C-alpha atoms as a PDB file:
ATOM      1  CA  MET A   1      -0.095   0.297   0.344  1.00  0.00           C
ATOM      2  CA  PHE A   2       0.968   3.917  -1.093  1.00  0.00           C
ATOM      3  CA  LYS A   3       2.521   5.650   2.173  1.00  0.00           C
ATOM      4  CA  TYR A   4       0.324   8.706   1.092  1.00  0.00           C
ATOM      5  CA  ILE A   5      -1.974   9.764  -2.087  1.00  0.00           C
ATOM      6  CA  THR A   6      -2.363  13.440  -3.034  1.00  0.00           C
ATOM      7  CA  LEU A   7      -5.949  14.579  -3.874  1.00  0.00           C
ATOM      8  CA  GLU A   8      -7.805  17.513  -5.153  1.00  0.00           C
ATOM      9  CA  LYS A   9     -10.235  19.037  -2.835  1.00  0.00           C
ATOM     10  CA  LYS A  10     -13.013  21.124  -4.632  1.00  0.00           C
ATOM     11  CA  VAL A  11     -14.424  24.548  -2.794  1.00  0.00           C
ATOM     12  CA  GLY A  12     -16.673  23.499  -0.096  1.00  0.00           C
ATOM     13  CA  GLN A  13     -15.318  20.267   1.171  1.00  0.00           C
ATOM     14  CA  THR A  14     -13.056  20.176   4.696  1.00  0.00           C
ATOM     15  CA  PRO A  15     -10.349  17.995   4.740  1.00  0.00           C
ATOM     16  CA  LEU A  16     -11.965  15.139   6.252  1.00  0.00           C
ATOM     17  CA  SER A  17     -15.155  14.939   3.413  1.00  0.00           C
ATOM     18  CA  CYS A  18     -12.753  14.861   0.647  1.00  0.00           C
ATOM     19  CA  ALA A  19     -10.353  12.030   2.485  1.00  0.00           C
ATOM     20  CA  GLU A  20     -13.452  10.512   3.334  1.00  0.00           C
ATOM     21  CA  ALA A  21     -14.970  10.864  -0.327  1.00  0.00           C
ATOM     22  CA  TYR A  22     -11.729   9.196  -1.821  1.00  0.00           C
ATOM     23  CA  ARG A  23     -12.374   6.259   0.649  1.00  0.00           C
ATOM     24  CA  THR A  24     -15.705   5.202  -0.567  1.00  0.00           C
ATOM     25  CA  LEU A  25     -14.385   4.871  -4.307  1.00  0.00           C
ATOM     26  CA  HIS A  26     -11.668   2.796  -2.783  1.00  0.00           C
ATOM     27  CA  PRO A  27     -13.089   0.009  -0.850  1.00  0.00           C
ATOM     28  CA  GLU A  28      -9.619  -1.433  -0.549  1.00  0.00           C
ATOM     29  CA  LEU A  29      -9.055   1.459   1.969  1.00  0.00           C
ATOM     30  CA  ALA A  30     -12.193   0.418   4.169  1.00  0.00           C
ATOM     31  CA  GLY A  31     -10.923   0.390   7.814  1.00  0.00           C
ATOM     32  CA  VAL A  32      -7.521   2.095   7.058  1.00  0.00           C
ATOM     33  CA  PRO A  33      -6.129   4.932   8.905  1.00  0.00           C
ATOM     34  CA  MET A  34      -5.826   8.327   6.690  1.00  0.00           C
ATOM     35  CA  ALA A  35      -4.728  11.649   8.147  1.00  0.00           C
ATOM     36  CA  TYR A  36      -4.045  14.699   6.344  1.00  0.00           C
ATOM     37  CA  ALA A  37      -1.040  16.439   6.705  1.00  0.00           C
ATOM     38  CA  GLY A  38      -1.764  20.066   5.963  1.00  0.00           C
ATOM     39  CA  ARG A  39      -5.296  21.898   6.162  1.00  0.00           C
ATOM     40  CA  LEU A  40      -7.405  23.531   3.716  1.00  0.00           C
ATOM     41  CA  ASP A  41     -10.076  25.626   4.601  1.00  0.00           C
ATOM     42  CA  PRO A  42     -13.571  24.805   3.025  1.00  0.00           C
ATOM     43  CA  MET A  43     -13.250  28.072   0.549  1.00  0.00           C
ATOM     44  CA  ALA A  44     -10.046  27.024  -0.377  1.00  0.00           C
ATOM     45  CA  SER A  45      -9.135  24.193  -3.197  1.00  0.00           C
ATOM     46  CA  GLY A  46      -6.206  22.135  -4.619  1.00  0.00           C
ATOM     47  CA  LYS A  47      -3.805  19.551  -3.635  1.00  0.00           C
ATOM     48  CA  LEU A  48      -4.362  17.598   0.009  1.00  0.00           C
ATOM     49  CA  LEU A  49      -1.654  15.657   1.482  1.00  0.00           C
ATOM     50  CA  VAL A  50      -3.304  12.290   2.359  1.00  0.00           C
ATOM     51  CA  LEU A  51      -1.037   9.564   4.662  1.00  0.00           C
ATOM     52  CA  LEU A  52      -2.412   6.455   5.015  1.00  0.00           C
ATOM     53  CA  GLY A  53      -1.978   3.547   7.164  1.00  0.00           C
ATOM     54  CA  ASP A  54       1.049   3.112   9.751  1.00  0.00           C
ATOM     55  CA  GLU A  55       2.439   6.547   8.054  1.00  0.00           C
ATOM     56  CA  CYS A  56      -0.321   8.271   9.872  1.00  0.00           C
ATOM     57  CA  LYS A  57       1.836   7.675  13.079  1.00  0.00           C
ATOM     58  CA  HIS A  58       4.730   9.285  11.533  1.00  0.00           C
ATOM     59  CA  GLN A  59       2.850  12.729  10.335  1.00  0.00           C
ATOM     60  CA  ALA A  60       5.646  14.710  12.582  1.00  0.00           C
ATOM     61  CA  ASN A  61       8.031  14.384   9.592  1.00  0.00           C
ATOM     62  CA  TYR A  62       5.602  15.830   7.069  1.00  0.00           C
ATOM     63  CA  HIS A  63       5.316  19.207   9.186  1.00  0.00           C
ATOM     64  CA  GLY A  64       7.108  22.080   7.310  1.00  0.00           C
ATOM     65  CA  LEU A  65       6.374  21.312   3.942  1.00  0.00           C
ATOM     66  CA  ASP A  66       6.568  24.222   1.648  1.00  0.00           C
ATOM     67  CA  LYS A  67       3.354  25.464  -0.729  1.00  0.00           C
ATOM     68  CA  GLU A  68       2.520  27.090  -3.902  1.00  0.00           C
ATOM     69  CA  TYR A  69      -0.667  28.746  -3.988  1.00  0.00           C
ATOM     70  CA  GLU A  70      -3.092  30.509  -6.727  1.00  0.00           C
ATOM     71  CA  PHE A  71      -4.924  32.924  -4.643  1.00  0.00           C
ATOM     72  CA  SER A  72      -7.017  36.348  -5.739  1.00  0.00           C
ATOM     73  CA  VAL A  73      -8.106  39.335  -3.735  1.00  0.00           C
ATOM     74  CA  LEU A  74     -11.214  40.990  -4.182  1.00  0.00           C
ATOM     75  CA  LEU A  75     -10.694  44.745  -3.506  1.00  0.00           C
ATOM     76  CA  GLY A  76     -13.386  46.968  -1.688  1.00  0.00           C
ATOM     77  CA  ILE A  77     -14.741  44.560   0.737  1.00  0.00           C
ATOM     78  CA  GLU A  78     -13.346  42.648   3.624  1.00  0.00           C
ATOM     79  CA  SER A  79     -15.013  40.368   6.112  1.00  0.00           C
ATOM     80  CA  ASP A  80     -14.186  38.740   9.768  1.00  0.00           C
ATOM     81  CA  SER A  81     -13.145  35.378   8.274  1.00  0.00           C
ATOM     82  CA  GLN A  82     -10.690  37.178   5.285  1.00  0.00           C
ATOM     83  CA  ASP A  83     -12.833  34.952   2.382  1.00  0.00           C
ATOM     84  CA  VAL A  84     -16.282  35.216   1.333  1.00  0.00           C
ATOM     85  CA  MET A  85     -17.591  33.236   4.213  1.00  0.00           C
ATOM     86  CA  GLY A  86     -17.470  35.878   6.851  1.00  0.00           C
ATOM     87  CA  ARG A  87     -19.537  38.619   8.031  1.00  0.00           C
ATOM     88  CA  LEU A  88     -18.960  41.270   5.693  1.00  0.00           C
ATOM     89  CA  SER A  89     -18.053  45.380   5.633  1.00  0.00           C
ATOM     90  CA  VAL A  90     -17.175  47.692   2.459  1.00  0.00           C
ATOM     91  CA  TYR A  91     -14.724  50.212   2.448  1.00  0.00           C
ATOM     92  CA  LYS A  92     -15.875  53.523   2.962  1.00  0.00           C
ATOM     93  CA  GLY A  93     -12.411  55.216   1.909  1.00  0.00           C
ATOM     94  CA  ASP A  94      -9.930  57.401   3.869  1.00  0.00           C
ATOM     95  CA  GLY A  95      -9.248  60.437   1.878  1.00  0.00           C
ATOM     96  CA  ASN A  96      -6.531  58.652  -0.203  1.00  0.00           C
ATOM     97  CA  GLN A  97      -6.686  59.559  -3.479  1.00  0.00           C
ATOM     98  CA  LEU A  98      -6.408  55.449  -4.581  1.00  0.00           C
ATOM     99  CA  SER A  99      -7.742  54.367  -1.912  1.00  0.00           C
ATOM    100  CA  GLU A 100     -10.765  56.473  -3.161  1.00  0.00           C
ATOM    101  CA  ARG A 101     -10.721  55.745  -6.700  1.00  0.00           C
ATOM    102  CA  LEU A 102     -10.825  51.869  -5.600  1.00  0.00           C
ATOM    103  CA  ARG A 103     -13.899  52.853  -3.457  1.00  0.00           C
ATOM    104  CA  LEU A 104     -15.678  54.550  -6.187  1.00  0.00           C
ATOM    105  CA  GLY A 105     -14.659  51.417  -9.304  1.00  0.00           C
ATOM    106  CA  GLN A 106     -12.678  54.276 -11.147  1.00  0.00           C
ATOM    107  CA  ALA A 107      -8.696  52.925 -10.255  1.00  0.00           C
ATOM    108  CA  PRO A 108      -6.977  53.047 -13.655  1.00  0.00           C
ATOM    109  CA  GLN A 109      -5.661  49.091 -14.446  1.00  0.00           C
ATOM    110  CA  SER A 110      -2.529  50.240 -15.355  1.00  0.00           C
ATOM    111  CA  GLY A 111      -2.003  52.476 -12.263  1.00  0.00           C
ATOM    112  CA  LEU A 112      -3.753  49.628 -10.344  1.00  0.00           C
ATOM    113  CA  GLU A 113      -1.581  47.298 -12.140  1.00  0.00           C
ATOM    114  CA  GLU A 114       1.730  48.916 -11.293  1.00  0.00           C
ATOM    115  CA  SER A 115       0.976  48.580  -7.872  1.00  0.00           C
ATOM    116  CA  LEU A 116      -0.193  45.592  -7.353  1.00  0.00           C
ATOM    117  CA  THR A 117       3.428  44.523  -8.586  1.00  0.00           C
ATOM    118  CA  SER A 118       5.182  46.404  -6.332  1.00  0.00           C
ATOM    119  CA  VAL A 119       3.316  45.628  -3.015  1.00  0.00           C
ATOM    120  CA  ALA A 120       3.710  42.039  -4.136  1.00  0.00           C
ATOM    121  CA  GLN A 121       7.518  42.241  -4.054  1.00  0.00           C
ATOM    122  CA  ASP A 122       7.407  44.305  -0.966  1.00  0.00           C
ATOM    123  CA  PHE A 123       5.862  40.682   1.421  1.00  0.00           C
ATOM    124  CA  ILE A 124       9.087  38.262  -0.484  1.00  0.00           C
ATOM    125  CA  GLY A 125      11.099  37.320   2.503  1.00  0.00           C
ATOM    126  CA  LYS A 126      10.478  36.651   6.367  1.00  0.00           C
ATOM    127  CA  ILE A 127       7.277  38.208   7.295  1.00  0.00           C
ATOM    128  CA  GLU A 128       5.336  37.994  10.449  1.00  0.00           C
ATOM    129  CA  LEU A 129       0.874  37.740  10.451  1.00  0.00           C
ATOM    130  CA  PRO A 130      -1.702  37.304  12.673  1.00  0.00           C
ATOM    131  CA  TYR A 131      -3.275  34.281  12.388  1.00  0.00           C
ATOM    132  CA  PRO A 132      -7.034  34.291  11.449  1.00  0.00           C
ATOM    133  CA  ILE A 133      -9.299  35.026  14.205  1.00  0.00           C
ATOM    134  CA  PHE A 134     -11.212  32.037  12.589  1.00  0.00           C
ATOM    135  CA  SER A 135      -8.778  29.332  12.965  1.00  0.00           C
ATOM    136  CA  SER A 136      -7.502  26.708  15.084  1.00  0.00           C
ATOM    137  CA  LYS A 137      -4.717  27.906  16.646  1.00  0.00           C
ATOM    138  CA  THR A 138      -4.710  27.695  20.544  1.00  0.00           C
ATOM    139  CA  VAL A 139      -4.577  30.545  22.490  1.00  0.00           C
ATOM    140  CA  GLN A 140      -4.453  29.570  25.809  1.00  0.00           C
ATOM    141  CA  GLY A 141      -6.649  26.199  25.591  1.00  0.00           C
ATOM    142  CA  LYS A 142      -8.715  27.428  23.575  1.00  0.00           C
ATOM    143  CA  PRO A 143      -9.342  27.810  19.428  1.00  0.00           C
ATOM    144  CA  LEU A 144      -9.204  31.317  18.071  1.00  0.00           C
ATOM    145  CA  HIS A 145     -12.486  30.704  16.479  1.00  0.00           C
ATOM    146  CA  THR A 146     -13.901  29.641  19.669  1.00  0.00           C
ATOM    147  CA  TRP A 147     -13.204  33.120  21.426  1.00  0.00           C
ATOM    148  CA  THR A 148     -14.141  34.971  18.386  1.00  0.00           C
ATOM    149  CA  MET A 149     -17.640  33.009  18.681  1.00  0.00           C
ATOM    150  CA  GLU A 150     -17.786  34.213  22.128  1.00  0.00           C
ATOM    151  CA  GLY A 151     -17.058  37.737  21.578  1.00  0.00           C
ATOM    152  CA  ARG A 152     -13.606  37.372  23.774  1.00  0.00           C
ATOM    153  CA  LEU A 153     -11.239  38.420  21.564  1.00  0.00           C
ATOM    154  CA  ASN A 154     -10.608  41.005  23.489  1.00  0.00           C
ATOM    155  CA  GLU A 155      -9.521  39.638  26.428  1.00  0.00           C
ATOM    156  CA  ILE A 156      -6.481  37.936  24.295  1.00  0.00           C
ATOM    157  CA  ASP A 157      -3.452  39.103  22.686  1.00  0.00           C
ATOM    158  CA  ILE A 158      -3.855  37.637  18.747  1.00  0.00           C
ATOM    159  CA  PRO A 159      -1.067  35.258  17.874  1.00  0.00           C
ATOM    160  CA  THR A 160       1.245  36.219  15.344  1.00  0.00           C
ATOM    161  CA  LYS A 161       2.785  33.522  12.369  1.00  0.00           C
ATOM    162  CA  GLU A 162       6.372  33.806  11.203  1.00  0.00           C
ATOM    163  CA  SER A 163       6.834  32.258   7.711  1.00  0.00           C
ATOM    164  CA  GLU A 164       8.533  33.054   4.880  1.00  0.00           C
ATOM    165  CA  ILE A 165       7.171  33.657   1.239  1.00  0.00           C
ATOM    166  CA  PHE A 166       9.635  32.993  -1.482  1.00  0.00           C
ATOM    167  CA  GLU A 167       7.972  34.266  -4.407  1.00  0.00           C
ATOM    168  CA  LEU A 168       5.165  36.212  -4.501  1.00  0.00           C
ATOM    169  CA  GLU A 169       4.091  37.532  -8.200  1.00  0.00           C
ATOM    170  CA  PHE A 170       0.850  39.350  -9.348  1.00  0.00           C
ATOM    171  CA  THR A 171      -0.575  37.835 -12.125  1.00  0.00           C
ATOM    172  CA  LYS A 172      -3.397  39.528 -13.431  1.00  0.00           C
ATOM    173  CA  LEU A 173      -6.193  42.169 -12.930  1.00  0.00           C
ATOM    174  CA  GLU A 174      -9.863  41.314 -13.448  1.00  0.00           C
ATOM    175  CA  THR A 175     -12.871  43.006 -13.113  1.00  0.00           C
ATOM    176  CA  ILE A 176     -16.415  41.860 -12.054  1.00  0.00           C
ATOM    177  CA  GLU A 177     -19.728  43.422 -12.248  1.00  0.00           C
ATOM    178  CA  ARG A 178     -20.935  43.849  -8.622  1.00  0.00           C
ATOM    179  CA  ASN A 179     -24.219  41.111  -9.638  1.00  0.00           C
ATOM    180  CA  ASP A 180     -22.092  38.112 -10.530  1.00  0.00           C
ATOM    181  CA  MET A 181     -19.705  39.053  -7.713  1.00  0.00           C
ATOM    182  CA  VAL A 182     -22.531  38.317  -5.249  1.00  0.00           C
ATOM    183  CA  LYS A 183     -23.806  35.227  -7.201  1.00  0.00           C
ATOM    184  CA  GLN A 184     -20.210  33.250  -7.562  1.00  0.00           C
ATOM    185  CA  ALA A 185     -19.952  34.082  -3.615  1.00  0.00           C
ATOM    186  CA  LEU A 186     -23.345  33.010  -2.826  1.00  0.00           C
ATOM    187  CA  GLU A 187     -22.562  29.676  -4.769  1.00  0.00           C
ATOM    188  CA  LYS A 188     -19.049  29.706  -2.757  1.00  0.00           C
ATOM    189  CA  VAL A 189     -21.316  30.053   0.348  1.00  0.00           C
ATOM    190  CA  ASN A 190     -23.646  27.486  -0.653  1.00  0.00           C
ATOM    191  CA  SER A 191     -20.996  24.598  -1.559  1.00  0.00           C
ATOM    192  CA  VAL A 192     -20.396  24.073   2.025  1.00  0.00           C
ATOM    193  CA  PRO A 193     -23.307  21.120   3.392  1.00  0.00           C
ATOM    194  CA  PRO A 194     -25.235  22.359   5.839  1.00  0.00           C
ATOM    195  CA  VAL A 195     -23.238  21.646   9.091  1.00  0.00           C
ATOM    196  CA  THR A 196     -25.145  20.743  12.230  1.00  0.00           C
ATOM    197  CA  GLU A 197     -22.834  19.377  14.834  1.00  0.00           C
ATOM    198  CA  LEU A 198     -22.413  22.692  17.233  1.00  0.00           C
ATOM    199  CA  ARG A 199     -18.738  22.556  17.858  1.00  0.00           C
ATOM    200  CA  LYS A 200     -17.756  22.444  14.186  1.00  0.00           C
ATOM    201  CA  ALA A 201     -20.133  24.677  12.872  1.00  0.00           C
ATOM    202  CA  LEU A 202     -19.001  28.292  14.133  1.00  0.00           C
ATOM    203  CA  GLY A 203     -22.016  29.657  14.868  1.00  0.00           C
ATOM    204  CA  ASN A 204     -25.076  28.488  13.949  1.00  0.00           C
ATOM    205  CA  ASP A 205     -24.154  26.853  10.089  1.00  0.00           C
ATOM    206  CA  PHE A 206     -20.983  28.833   9.891  1.00  0.00           C
ATOM    207  CA  ARG A 207     -23.925  31.725  10.191  1.00  0.00           C
ATOM    208  CA  ARG A 208     -24.810  31.570   6.828  1.00  0.00           C
ATOM    209  CA  VAL A 209     -27.931  33.018   7.116  1.00  0.00           C
ATOM    210  CA  ASP A 210     -26.372  36.233   7.967  1.00  0.00           C
ATOM    211  CA  VAL A 211     -23.482  35.802   5.656  1.00  0.00           C
ATOM    212  CA  ARG A 212     -26.030  35.527   2.666  1.00  0.00           C
ATOM    213  CA  LYS A 213     -28.050  38.482   3.971  1.00  0.00           C
ATOM    214  CA  ASP A 214     -24.387  40.638   3.662  1.00  0.00           C
ATOM    215  CA  TRP A 215     -24.187  39.744   0.271  1.00  0.00           C
ATOM    216  CA  ASP A 216     -27.790  40.653  -0.631  1.00  0.00           C
ATOM    217  CA  GLN A 217     -27.325  43.989   0.970  1.00  0.00           C
ATOM    218  CA  ILE A 218     -24.613  44.453  -1.262  1.00  0.00           C
ATOM    219  CA  LEU A 219     -26.192  43.102  -4.026  1.00  0.00           C
ATOM    220  CA  ASN A 220     -28.974  45.631  -3.552  1.00  0.00           C
ATOM    221  CA  ASP A 221     -27.079  48.830  -2.491  1.00  0.00           C
ATOM    222  CA  ASN A 222     -27.044  51.428  -5.237  1.00  0.00           C
ATOM    223  CA  SER A 223     -24.448  53.390  -3.394  1.00  0.00           C
ATOM    224  CA  LEU A 224     -21.762  50.559  -3.954  1.00  0.00           C
ATOM    225  CA  PRO A 225     -19.532  50.773  -7.677  1.00  0.00           C
ATOM    226  CA  ASN A 226     -20.914  48.652 -10.160  1.00  0.00           C
ATOM    227  CA  GLU A 227     -17.968  47.030 -10.848  1.00  0.00           C
ATOM    228  CA  TYR A 228     -15.231  45.609  -8.428  1.00  0.00           C
ATOM    229  CA  GLN A 229     -11.517  44.195  -8.880  1.00  0.00           C
ATOM    230  CA  ILE A 230      -9.812  40.994  -8.122  1.00  0.00           C
ATOM    231  CA  ALA A 231      -6.398  40.752  -8.082  1.00  0.00           C
ATOM    232  CA  HIS A 232      -4.847  37.380  -8.996  1.00  0.00           C
ATOM    233  CA  PHE A 233      -1.592  35.819  -7.655  1.00  0.00           C
ATOM    234  CA  ARG A 234       1.130  33.189  -7.538  1.00  0.00           C
ATOM    235  CA  CYS A 235       2.655  32.358  -3.919  1.00  0.00           C
ATOM    236  CA  VAL A 236       5.271  29.907  -2.395  1.00  0.00           C
ATOM    237  CA  ALA A 237       5.363  29.928   0.643  1.00  0.00           C
ATOM    238  CA  SER A 238       6.469  28.700   3.811  1.00  0.00           C
ATOM    239  CA  SER A 239       4.175  26.084   6.118  1.00  0.00           C
ATOM    240  CA  GLY A 240       1.247  27.589   7.656  1.00  0.00           C
ATOM    241  CA  THR A 241       1.569  30.684   5.623  1.00  0.00           C
ATOM    242  CA  TYR A 242      -2.235  31.573   5.704  1.00  0.00           C
ATOM    243  CA  MET A 243      -3.300  33.047   1.894  1.00  0.00           C
ATOM    244  CA  ARG A 244      -6.412  34.501   3.728  1.00  0.00           C
ATOM    245  CA  THR A 245      -4.080  36.863   5.966  1.00  0.00           C
ATOM    246  CA  LEU A 246      -1.783  37.670   2.946  1.00  0.00           C
ATOM    247  CA  ALA A 247      -4.891  38.632   1.357  1.00  0.00           C
ATOM    248  CA  GLN A 248      -6.002  41.096   3.456  1.00  0.00           C
ATOM    249  CA  ALA A 249      -2.273  42.536   4.055  1.00  0.00           C
ATOM    250  CA  ILE A 250      -1.992  42.786   0.675  1.00  0.00           C
ATOM    251  CA  ALA A 251      -5.207  44.966  -0.075  1.00  0.00           C
ATOM    252  CA  LYS A 252      -4.012  47.256   3.426  1.00  0.00           C
ATOM    253  CA  LYS A 253      -0.953  47.666   1.461  1.00  0.00           C
ATOM    254  CA  LEU A 254      -2.448  49.369  -1.084  1.00  0.00           C
ATOM    255  CA  GLY A 255      -4.451  51.250   0.728  1.00  0.00           C
ATOM    256  CA  THR A 256      -8.054  49.673   0.855  1.00  0.00           C
ATOM    257  CA  THR A 257      -9.664  46.891   2.078  1.00  0.00           C
ATOM    258  CA  GLY A 258      -9.807  42.881   0.632  1.00  0.00           C
ATOM    259  CA  LEU A 259     -10.288  39.399   1.013  1.00  0.00           C
ATOM    260  CA  ALA A 260      -9.592  35.806  -0.234  1.00  0.00           C
ATOM    261  CA  TRP A 261     -11.901  35.507  -3.058  1.00  0.00           C
ATOM    262  CA  HIS A 262     -10.186  32.159  -4.292  1.00  0.00           C
ATOM    263  CA  ILE A 263      -7.706  30.187  -2.680  1.00  0.00           C
ATOM    264  CA  HIS A 264      -6.055  26.999  -4.695  1.00  0.00           C
ATOM    265  CA  ARG A 265      -3.020  24.927  -3.925  1.00  0.00           C
ATOM    266  CA  THR A 266      -0.974  23.959  -6.326  1.00  0.00           C
ATOM    267  CA  LYS A 267       2.111  22.142  -4.870  1.00  0.00           C
ATOM    268  CA  ILE A 268       3.311  20.547  -1.817  1.00  0.00           C
ATOM    269  CA  GLY A 269       7.022  20.225  -1.584  1.00  0.00           C
ATOM    270  CA  LYS A 270      10.357  21.450  -0.252  1.00  0.00           C
ATOM    271  CA  PHE A 271      11.324  24.872  -2.407  1.00  0.00           C
ATOM    272  CA  SER A 272      14.668  25.572  -1.845  1.00  0.00           C
ATOM    273  CA  ASN A 273      16.991  28.100  -3.941  1.00  0.00           C
ATOM    274  CA  GLY A 274      14.196  28.876  -6.308  1.00  0.00           C
ATOM    275  CA  SER A 275      13.283  25.409  -7.412  1.00  0.00           C
ATOM    276  CA  TRP A 276      11.394  22.829  -5.986  1.00  0.00           C
ATOM    277  CA  VAL A 277      13.633  19.859  -4.248  1.00  0.00           C
ATOM    278  CA  LYS A 278      10.851  17.408  -3.704  1.00  0.00           C
ATOM    279  CA  LEU A 279       7.210  17.220  -4.360  1.00  0.00           C
ATOM    280  CA  PHE A 280       4.459  15.138  -3.130  1.00  0.00           C
END
């Protein structure tokens, strides 16, 4: 039997549901222990490394693997989960000229592309970013997402994670109409099967009743721009780098707000001196 398999997780799947879906198609894996080495959020897709059988006992050997992602940042809207599954807020501007033109959907494409190319370079190297408040990072024995849902974040210091960005490349800029944006966002939100187990629901089925209302409010608010911009990137980073947090940081560096519109993991392995020396 193989020591591990690499699966393609879809948007809406959890790592567990992805692994179990594979098991149902392979009867020879009935009763075989499976453990994934590196999570992917429900809104993220791509490569998921799953250990099999006795190899699960050596999970620590797979910690610290580098990853490559293709991800995009929706500019001008942010959420508390840093992706489309969170409670939303819309950027209102701060007087900065580029920020204001972004808010109004009037930023010139050529100038924005130059800014995005420059901003991407600023993140290459060792960086320290806060953990997402909707993550399983434990603080005082309790996951951050539990502190968040209990409304007690003011009682703790949100920890940060040092990681390294080996490569970060701005690849293209896309313009999307507001109605299409909302339609696509709701498709992503609805792709996750209903969650009824309270400890996994993160606020009653991921708070989706309220999240859907937020997106509908954006759809029906005619004071907002009719078009939004989505910036696409390719990133190679060390283990534990949250693309959601990086997406938000890129938007902030640009002078606006943003959320991770899509995240797709393309490679898992060891990256050294500008090339992959091992891939799974």
